[in-house]
Each structure stands twice: as structure tokens, then as C-alpha cells.
PDB file of N, CA and C in Angstrom:
ATOM      1  N   MET A   1       0.933  -1.132  -0.016  1.00  0.00           N
ATOM      2  CA  MET A   1       0.086  -0.016   0.045  1.00  0.00           C
ATOM      3  C   MET A   1       0.900   1.170   0.016  1.00  0.00           C
ATOM      4  N   ASN A   2       0.577   2.170  -0.850  1.00  0.00           N
ATOM      5  CA  ASN A   2       1.425   3.359  -0.903  1.00  0.00           C
ATOM      6  C   ASN A   2       0.965   4.465   0.110  1.00  0.00           C
ATOM      7  N   ASP A   3       1.625   5.508   0.267  1.00  0.00           N
ATOM      8  CA  ASP A   3       1.543   6.532   1.283  1.00  0.00           C
ATOM      9  C   ASP A   3      -0.026   7.246   1.068  1.00  0.00           C
ATOM     10  N   TYR A   4      -0.218   7.384  -0.200  1.00  0.00           N
ATOM     11  CA  TYR A   4      -1.531   8.139  -0.579  1.00  0.00           C
ATOM     12  C   TYR A   4      -2.690   7.281  -0.127  1.00  0.00           C
ATOM     13  N   HIS A   5      -2.619   5.954  -0.475  1.00  0.00           N
ATOM     14  CA  HIS A   5      -3.576   5.065  -0.178  1.00  0.00           C
ATOM     15  C   HIS A   5      -3.924   4.986   1.345  1.00  0.00           C
ATOM     16  N   ARG A   6      -2.785   4.902   2.145  1.00  0.00           N
ATOM     17  CA  ARG A   6      -2.828   4.891   3.553  1.00  0.00           C
ATOM     18  C   ARG A   6      -3.505   6.163   4.114  1.00  0.00           C
ATOM     19  N   GLU A   7      -3.191   7.203   3.560  1.00  0.00           N
ATOM     20  CA  GLU A   7      -3.610   8.686   3.852  1.00  0.00           C
ATOM     21  C   GLU A   7      -5.232   8.649   3.802  1.00  0.00           C
ATOM     22  N   ILE A   8      -5.660   8.097   2.606  1.00  0.00           N
ATOM     23  CA  ILE A   8      -7.015   8.130   2.370  1.00  0.00           C
ATOM     24  C   ILE A   8      -7.787   7.151   3.360  1.00  0.00           C
ATOM     25  N   LEU A   9      -7.165   6.089   3.560  1.00  0.00           N
ATOM     26  CA  LEU A   9      -7.857   5.200   4.564  1.00  0.00           C
ATOM     27  C   LEU A   9      -7.915   5.829   6.026  1.00  0.00           C
ATOM     28  N   THR A  10      -6.821   6.507   6.192  1.00  0.00           N
ATOM     29  CA  THR A  10      -6.699   7.162   7.627  1.00  0.00           C
ATOM     30  C   THR A  10      -7.654   8.244   7.788  1.00  0.00           C
ATOM     31  N   SER A  11      -7.904   8.809   6.751  1.00  0.00           N
ATOM     32  CA  SER A  11      -8.964  10.022   6.706  1.00  0.00           C
ATOM     33  C   SER A  11     -10.350   9.397   6.830  1.00  0.00           C
ATOM     34  N   ALA A  12     -10.601   8.301   6.023  1.00  0.00           N
ATOM     35  CA  ALA A  12     -11.836   7.572   5.982  1.00  0.00           C
ATOM     36  C   ALA A  12     -12.295   7.053   7.507  1.00  0.00           C
ATOM     37  N   LEU A  13     -11.130   6.548   8.063  1.00  0.00           N
ATOM     38  CA  LEU A  13     -11.189   5.910   9.505  1.00  0.00           C
ATOM     39  C   LEU A  13     -11.700   6.999  10.321  1.00  0.00           C
ATOM     40  N   GLU A  14     -11.059   8.130  10.383  1.00  0.00           N
ATOM     41  CA  GLU A  14     -11.489   9.086  11.182  1.00  0.00           C
ATOM     42  C   GLU A  14     -12.991   9.654  11.029  1.00  0.00           C
ATOM     43  N   ALA A  15     -13.359   9.681   9.729  1.00  0.00           N
ATOM     44  CA  ALA A  15     -14.629  10.141   9.538  1.00  0.00           C
ATOM     45  C   ALA A  15     -15.653   9.189   9.975  1.00  0.00           C
ATOM     46  N   ARG A  16     -15.352   7.870   9.623  1.00  0.00           N
ATOM     47  CA  ARG A  16     -16.273   6.822  10.150  1.00  0.00           C
ATOM     48  C   ARG A  16     -16.397   6.691  11.510  1.00  0.00           C
ATOM     49  N   THR A  17     -15.356   6.918  12.362  1.00  0.00           N
ATOM     50  CA  THR A  17     -15.364   6.962  13.881  1.00  0.00           C
ATOM     51  C   THR A  17     -16.226   8.104  14.229  1.00  0.00           C
ATOM     52  N   LYS A  18     -16.122   9.283  13.680  1.00  0.00           N
ATOM     53  CA  LYS A  18     -17.044  10.342  14.100  1.00  0.00           C
ATOM     54  C   LYS A  18     -18.468  10.119  13.813  1.00  0.00           C
ATOM     55  N   GLU A  19     -18.624   9.510  12.645  1.00  0.00           N
ATOM     56  CA  GLU A  19     -20.074   9.045  12.175  1.00  0.00           C
ATOM     57  C   GLU A  19     -20.678   8.151  13.148  1.00  0.00           C
ATOM     58  N   VAL A  20     -20.029   7.230  13.486  1.00  0.00           N
ATOM     59  CA  VAL A  20     -20.540   6.134  14.493  1.00  0.00           C
ATOM     60  C   VAL A  20     -20.890   6.884  15.756  1.00  0.00           C
ATOM     61  N   THR A  21     -19.944   7.787  16.194  1.00  0.00           N
ATOM     62  CA  THR A  21     -20.307   8.481  17.517  1.00  0.00           C
ATOM     63  C   THR A  21     -21.400   9.322  17.349  1.00  0.00           C
ATOM     64  N   GLU A  22     -21.675  10.116  16.136  1.00  0.00           N
ATOM     65  CA  GLU A  22     -22.762  10.924  15.934  1.00  0.00           C
ATOM     66  C   GLU A  22     -24.056  10.194  16.075  1.00  0.00           C
ATOM     67  N   TYR A  23     -23.992   8.975  15.391  1.00  0.00           N
ATOM     68  CA  TYR A  23     -25.361   8.150  15.380  1.00  0.00           C
ATOM     69  C   TYR A  23     -25.452   7.678  16.894  1.00  0.00           C
ATOM     70  N   GLN A  24     -24.436   7.485  17.652  1.00  0.00           N
ATOM     71  CA  GLN A  24     -24.659   7.029  18.972  1.00  0.00           C
ATOM     72  C   GLN A  24     -25.369   8.132  19.943  1.00  0.00           C
ATOM     73  N   VAL A  25     -24.989   9.360  19.553  1.00  0.00           N
ATOM     74  CA  VAL A  25     -25.635  10.563  20.205  1.00  0.00           C
ATOM     75  C   VAL A  25     -27.004  10.654  19.901  1.00  0.00           C
ATOM     76  N   ASN A  26     -27.352  10.513  18.654  1.00  0.00           N
ATOM     77  CA  ASN A  26     -28.746  10.533  18.234  1.00  0.00           C
ATOM     78  C   ASN A  26     -29.475   9.382  18.771  1.00  0.00           C
ATOM     79  N   ILE A  27     -28.898   8.159  18.852  1.00  0.00           N
ATOM     80  CA  ILE A  27     -29.617   7.028  19.374  1.00  0.00           C
ATOM     81  C   ILE A  27     -30.030   7.388  20.887  1.00  0.00           C
ATOM     82  N   THR A  28     -29.088   7.840  21.626  1.00  0.00           N
ATOM     83  CA  THR A  28     -29.203   8.320  22.977  1.00  0.00           C
ATOM     84  C   THR A  28     -30.319   9.202  23.184  1.00  0.00           C
ATOM     85  N   ASN A  29     -30.183  10.295  22.268  1.00  0.00           N
ATOM     86  CA  ASN A  29     -31.234  11.267  22.455  1.00  0.00           C
ATOM     87  C   ASN A  29     -32.618  10.863  22.149  1.00  0.00           C
ATOM     88  N   PHE A  30     -32.774  10.044  20.934  1.00  0.00           N
ATOM     89  CA  PHE A  30     -33.994   9.572  20.661  1.00  0.00           C
ATOM     90  C   PHE A  30     -34.686   8.682  21.742  1.00  0.00           C
ATOM     91  N   SER A  31     -33.856   7.864  22.347  1.00  0.00           N
ATOM     92  CA  SER A  31     -34.269   6.828  23.308  1.00  0.00           C
ATOM     93  C   SER A  31     -34.797   7.624  24.553  1.00  0.00           C
ATOM     94  N   LEU A  32     -33.952   8.632  24.998  1.00  0.00           N
ATOM     95  CA  LEU A  32     -34.428   9.499  26.093  1.00  0.00           C
ATOM     96  C   LEU A  32     -35.681  10.247  25.975  1.00  0.00           C
ATOM     97  N   ALA A  33     -35.667  10.783  24.675  1.00  0.00           N
ATOM     98  CA  ALA A  33     -37.062  11.446  24.373  1.00  0.00           C
ATOM     99  C   ALA A  33     -38.231  10.639  24.397  1.00  0.00           C
ATOM    100  N   ILE A  34     -38.131   9.402  23.812  1.00  0.00           N
ATOM    101  CA  ILE A  34     -39.181   8.342  23.887  1.00  0.00           C
ATOM    102  C   ILE A  34     -39.663   8.088  25.221  1.00  0.00           C
ATOM    103  N   GLU A  35     -38.572   7.862  26.151  1.00  0.00           N
ATOM    104  CA  GLU A  35     -38.936   7.546  27.577  1.00  0.00           C
ATOM    105  C   GLU A  35     -39.721   8.807  28.233  1.00  0.00           C
ATOM    106  N   ARG A  36     -39.246  10.004  27.942  1.00  0.00           N
ATOM    107  CA  ARG A  36     -39.842  11.193  28.530  1.00  0.00           C
ATOM    108  C   ARG A  36     -41.316  11.432  28.064  1.00  0.00           C
ATOM    109  N   ILE A  37     -41.438  11.065  26.770  1.00  0.00           N
ATOM    110  CA  ILE A  37     -42.921  11.139  26.251  1.00  0.00           C
ATOM    111  C   ILE A  37     -43.896  10.174  26.687  1.00  0.00           C
ATOM    112  N   ALA A  38     -43.379   8.956  27.105  1.00  0.00           N
ATOM    113  CA  ALA A  38     -44.135   7.900  27.751  1.00  0.00           C
ATOM    114  C   ALA A  38     -45.603   7.832  27.017  1.00  0.00           C
ATOM    115  N   ASP A  39     -46.610   7.918  27.784  1.00  0.00           N
ATOM    116  CA  ASP A  39     -47.885   7.798  27.185  1.00  0.00           C
ATOM    117  C   ASP A  39     -48.709   9.087  27.200  1.00  0.00           C
ATOM    118  N   ASP A  40     -47.939  10.160  27.091  1.00  0.00           N
ATOM    119  CA  ASP A  40     -48.568  11.622  26.884  1.00  0.00           C
ATOM    120  C   ASP A  40     -49.367  11.500  25.630  1.00  0.00           C
ATOM    121  N   PRO A  41     -50.767  11.625  25.788  1.00  0.00           N
ATOM    122  CA  PRO A  41     -51.568  11.547  24.523  1.00  0.00           C
ATOM    123  C   PRO A  41     -51.326  12.698  23.531  1.00  0.00           C
ATOM    124  N   GLU A  42     -50.762  13.746  23.988  1.00  0.00           N
ATOM    125  CA  GLU A  42     -50.615  14.933  22.934  1.00  0.00           C
ATOM    126  C   GLU A  42     -49.292  14.762  22.271  1.00  0.00           C
ATOM    127  N   LEU A  43     -48.347  13.896  22.675  1.00  0.00           N
ATOM    128  CA  LEU A  43     -47.171  13.668  22.050  1.00  0.00           C
ATOM    129  C   LEU A  43     -46.854  12.336  21.410  1.00  0.00           C
ATOM    130  N   GLN A  44     -47.893  11.587  21.171  1.00  0.00           N
ATOM    131  CA  GLN A  44     -47.781  10.279  20.563  1.00  0.00           C
ATOM    132  C   GLN A  44     -47.365  10.266  19.030  1.00  0.00           C
ATOM    133  N   GLU A  45     -47.732  11.303  18.356  1.00  0.00           N
ATOM    134  CA  GLU A  45     -47.325  11.458  16.919  1.00  0.00           C
ATOM    135  C   GLU A  45     -45.696  11.727  16.983  1.00  0.00           C
ATOM    136  N   PHE A  46     -45.333  12.634  18.003  1.00  0.00           N
ATOM    137  CA  PHE A  46     -43.920  13.000  17.945  1.00  0.00           C
ATOM    138  C   PHE A  46     -43.099  11.745  18.455  1.00  0.00           C
ATOM    139  N   LYS A  47     -43.681  10.990  19.395  1.00  0.00           N
ATOM    140  CA  LYS A  47     -43.124   9.739  19.896  1.00  0.00           C
ATOM    141  C   LYS A  47     -42.910   8.715  18.665  1.00  0.00           C
ATOM    142  N   THR A  48     -43.878   8.687  17.875  1.00  0.00           N
ATOM    143  CA  THR A  48     -43.832   7.748  16.662  1.00  0.00           C
ATOM    144  C   THR A  48     -42.607   8.274  15.774  1.00  0.00           C
ATOM    145  N   GLN A  49     -42.616   9.474  15.517  1.00  0.00           N
ATOM    146  CA  GLN A  49     -41.409   9.990  14.757  1.00  0.00           C
ATOM    147  C   GLN A  49     -40.119   9.746  15.381  1.00  0.00           C
ATOM    148  N   MET A  50     -40.044   9.955  16.632  1.00  0.00           N
ATOM    149  CA  MET A  50     -38.738   9.574  17.413  1.00  0.00           C
ATOM    150  C   MET A  50     -38.367   8.099  17.284  1.00  0.00           C
ATOM    151  N   GLN A  51     -39.486   7.357  17.331  1.00  0.00           N
ATOM    152  CA  GLN A  51     -39.240   5.786  17.071  1.00  0.00           C
ATOM    153  C   GLN A  51     -38.663   5.377  15.815  1.00  0.00           C
ATOM    154  N   GLY A  52     -39.205   6.142  14.816  1.00  0.00           N
ATOM    155  CA  GLY A  52     -38.691   5.900  13.257  1.00  0.00           C
ATOM    156  C   GLY A  52     -37.272   6.518  13.182  1.00  0.00           C
ATOM    157  N   LEU A  53     -37.051   7.553  13.823  1.00  0.00           N
ATOM    158  CA  LEU A  53     -35.611   8.188  13.608  1.00  0.00           C
ATOM    159  C   LEU A  53     -34.701   7.253  14.488  1.00  0.00           C
ATOM    160  N   LEU A  54     -34.995   6.721  15.585  1.00  0.00           N
ATOM    161  CA  LEU A  54     -34.304   5.749  16.252  1.00  0.00           C
ATOM    162  C   LEU A  54     -33.987   4.471  15.579  1.00  0.00           C
ATOM    163  N   ALA A  55     -34.885   3.838  15.088  1.00  0.00           N
ATOM    164  CA  ALA A  55     -34.842   2.787  14.304  1.00  0.00           C
ATOM    165  C   ALA A  55     -33.730   3.005  13.112  1.00  0.00           C
ATOM    166  N   SER A  56     -34.059   4.054  12.403  1.00  0.00           N
ATOM    167  CA  SER A  56     -33.157   4.452  11.266  1.00  0.00           C
ATOM    168  C   SER A  56     -31.565   4.611  11.808  1.00  0.00           C
ATOM    169  N   SER A  57     -31.490   5.442  12.780  1.00  0.00           N
ATOM    170  CA  SER A  57     -30.255   5.647  13.317  1.00  0.00           C
ATOM    171  C   SER A  57     -29.492   4.295  13.722  1.00  0.00           C
ATOM    172  N   ILE A  58     -30.100   3.439  14.394  1.00  0.00           N
ATOM    173  CA  ILE A  58     -29.620   2.158  14.744  1.00  0.00           C
ATOM    174  C   ILE A  58     -29.082   1.463  13.491  1.00  0.00           C
ATOM    175  N   LEU A  59     -29.869   1.285  12.577  1.00  0.00           N
ATOM    176  CA  LEU A  59     -29.527   0.753  11.218  1.00  0.00           C
ATOM    177  C   LEU A  59     -28.425   1.362  10.524  1.00  0.00           C
ATOM    178  N   GLU A  60     -28.389   2.614  10.473  1.00  0.00           N
ATOM    179  CA  GLU A  60     -27.235   3.389   9.776  1.00  0.00           C
ATOM    180  C   GLU A  60     -26.054   3.317  10.692  1.00  0.00           C
ATOM    181  N   GLN A  61     -26.239   3.222  11.954  1.00  0.00           N
ATOM    182  CA  GLN A  61     -24.910   3.080  12.631  1.00  0.00           C
ATOM    183  C   GLN A  61     -24.271   1.663  12.485  1.00  0.00           C
ATOM    184  N   ARG A  62     -25.124   0.677  12.277  1.00  0.00           N
ATOM    185  CA  ARG A  62     -24.591  -0.758  11.993  1.00  0.00           C
ATOM    186  C   ARG A  62     -23.852  -0.689  10.701  1.00  0.00           C
ATOM    187  N   LYS A  63     -24.396   0.002   9.694  1.00  0.00           N
ATOM    188  CA  LYS A  63     -23.653   0.102   8.310  1.00  0.00           C
ATOM    189  C   LYS A  63     -22.393   0.734   8.461  1.00  0.00           C
ATOM    190  N   SER A  64     -22.375   1.985   9.422  1.00  0.00           N
ATOM    191  CA  SER A  64     -21.151   2.578   9.498  1.00  0.00           C
ATOM    192  C   SER A  64     -20.130   1.806  10.330  1.00  0.00           C
ATOM    193  N   LYS A  65     -20.534   0.871  11.228  1.00  0.00           N
ATOM    194  CA  LYS A  65     -19.604   0.147  11.967  1.00  0.00           C
ATOM    195  C   LYS A  65     -18.971  -0.885  11.027  1.00  0.00           C
ATOM    196  N   ILE A  66     -19.789  -1.447   9.989  1.00  0.00           N
ATOM    197  CA  ILE A  66     -19.198  -2.323   9.107  1.00  0.00           C
ATOM    198  C   ILE A  66     -18.118  -1.747   8.289  1.00  0.00           C
ATOM    199  N   MET A  67     -18.423  -0.532   7.862  1.00  0.00           N
ATOM    200  CA  MET A  67     -17.345   0.193   6.967  1.00  0.00           C
ATOM    201  C   MET A  67     -16.148   0.491   7.834  1.00  0.00           C
ATOM    202  N   LEU A  68     -16.432   0.939   9.079  1.00  0.00           N
ATOM    203  CA  LEU A  68     -15.222   1.018   9.954  1.00  0.00           C
ATOM    204  C   LEU A  68     -14.389  -0.085  10.056  1.00  0.00           C
ATOM    205  N   ASP A  69     -15.025  -1.146  10.321  1.00  0.00           N
ATOM    206  CA  ASP A  69     -14.187  -2.398  10.487  1.00  0.00           C
ATOM    207  C   ASP A  69     -13.454  -2.832   9.238  1.00  0.00           C
ATOM    208  N   VAL A  70     -14.023  -2.510   8.068  1.00  0.00           N
ATOM    209  CA  VAL A  70     -13.469  -2.765   6.777  1.00  0.00           C
ATOM    210  C   VAL A  70     -12.233  -1.918   6.574  1.00  0.00           C
ATOM    211  N   ILE A  71     -12.348  -0.609   6.965  1.00  0.00           N
ATOM    212  CA  ILE A  71     -11.279   0.356   6.777  1.00  0.00           C
ATOM    213  C   ILE A  71     -10.184  -0.111   7.806  1.00  0.00           C
ATOM    214  N   GLN A  72     -10.537  -0.383   9.058  1.00  0.00           N
ATOM    215  CA  GLN A  72      -9.485  -0.836  10.081  1.00  0.00           C
ATOM    216  C   GLN A  72      -8.774  -1.998   9.646  1.00  0.00           C
ATOM    217  N   SER A  73      -9.426  -2.941   9.025  1.00  0.00           N
ATOM    218  CA  SER A  73      -8.735  -4.102   8.581  1.00  0.00           C
ATOM    219  C   SER A  73      -7.736  -3.895   7.583  1.00  0.00           C
ATOM    220  N   GLN A  74      -8.159  -2.773   6.734  1.00  0.00           N
ATOM    221  CA  GLN A  74      -7.116  -2.548   5.565  1.00  0.00           C
ATOM    222  C   GLN A  74      -5.817  -1.755   6.041  1.00  0.00           C
ATOM    223  N   LEU A  75      -5.906  -1.207   7.366  1.00  0.00           N
ATOM    224  CA  LEU A  75      -4.902  -0.390   8.014  1.00  0.00           C
ATOM    225  C   LEU A  75      -3.830  -1.274   8.696  1.00  0.00           C
ATOM    226  N   GLU A  76      -4.478  -2.500   9.040  1.00  0.00           N
ATOM    227  CA  GLU A  76      -3.648  -3.513   9.776  1.00  0.00           C
ATOM    228  C   GLU A  76      -2.324  -3.946   9.096  1.00  0.00           C
TER     229      GLU A  76
END
């Protein structure tokens, strides 16, 4: 692997690490919001939106973790 290739992978590794962390922040925020909403009848539509965003963030984080693992394996 040449230096440029390693440089690109290192940059991608940093970006994916940040991305996984950002998804985790969102996952935590959505989870806490859902808990706080609980059974409040006026906020059920908002709760449904948060549940959708939570599910989406969990899935996207899984994808990011796969790509992070792939990048890390190339740098080993």
C-alpha cells in the first residue's frame, strides 16, 4: 500500500469513527425522548417520529460500523 492509499484510509477511518459517534448521540437522544414522552396523549405522533428516527439511526450506525471495520482491517 502506498502512502496516498494509507492517507485516504486514515482519513476515512477518522470520518467513520465520528459518524458512529454521531449516530450514538442520536440514538441516546431519541431513546431518552421516547422515555420522557411515555404515554402523553398529545405527544404520541412525536413519539412515533422519534421511534422511526431511532430505528433508522440504529440501522445506519450498524452500516457505519461495518465500513469502519473494513477500513480498520485494511490499515492493519
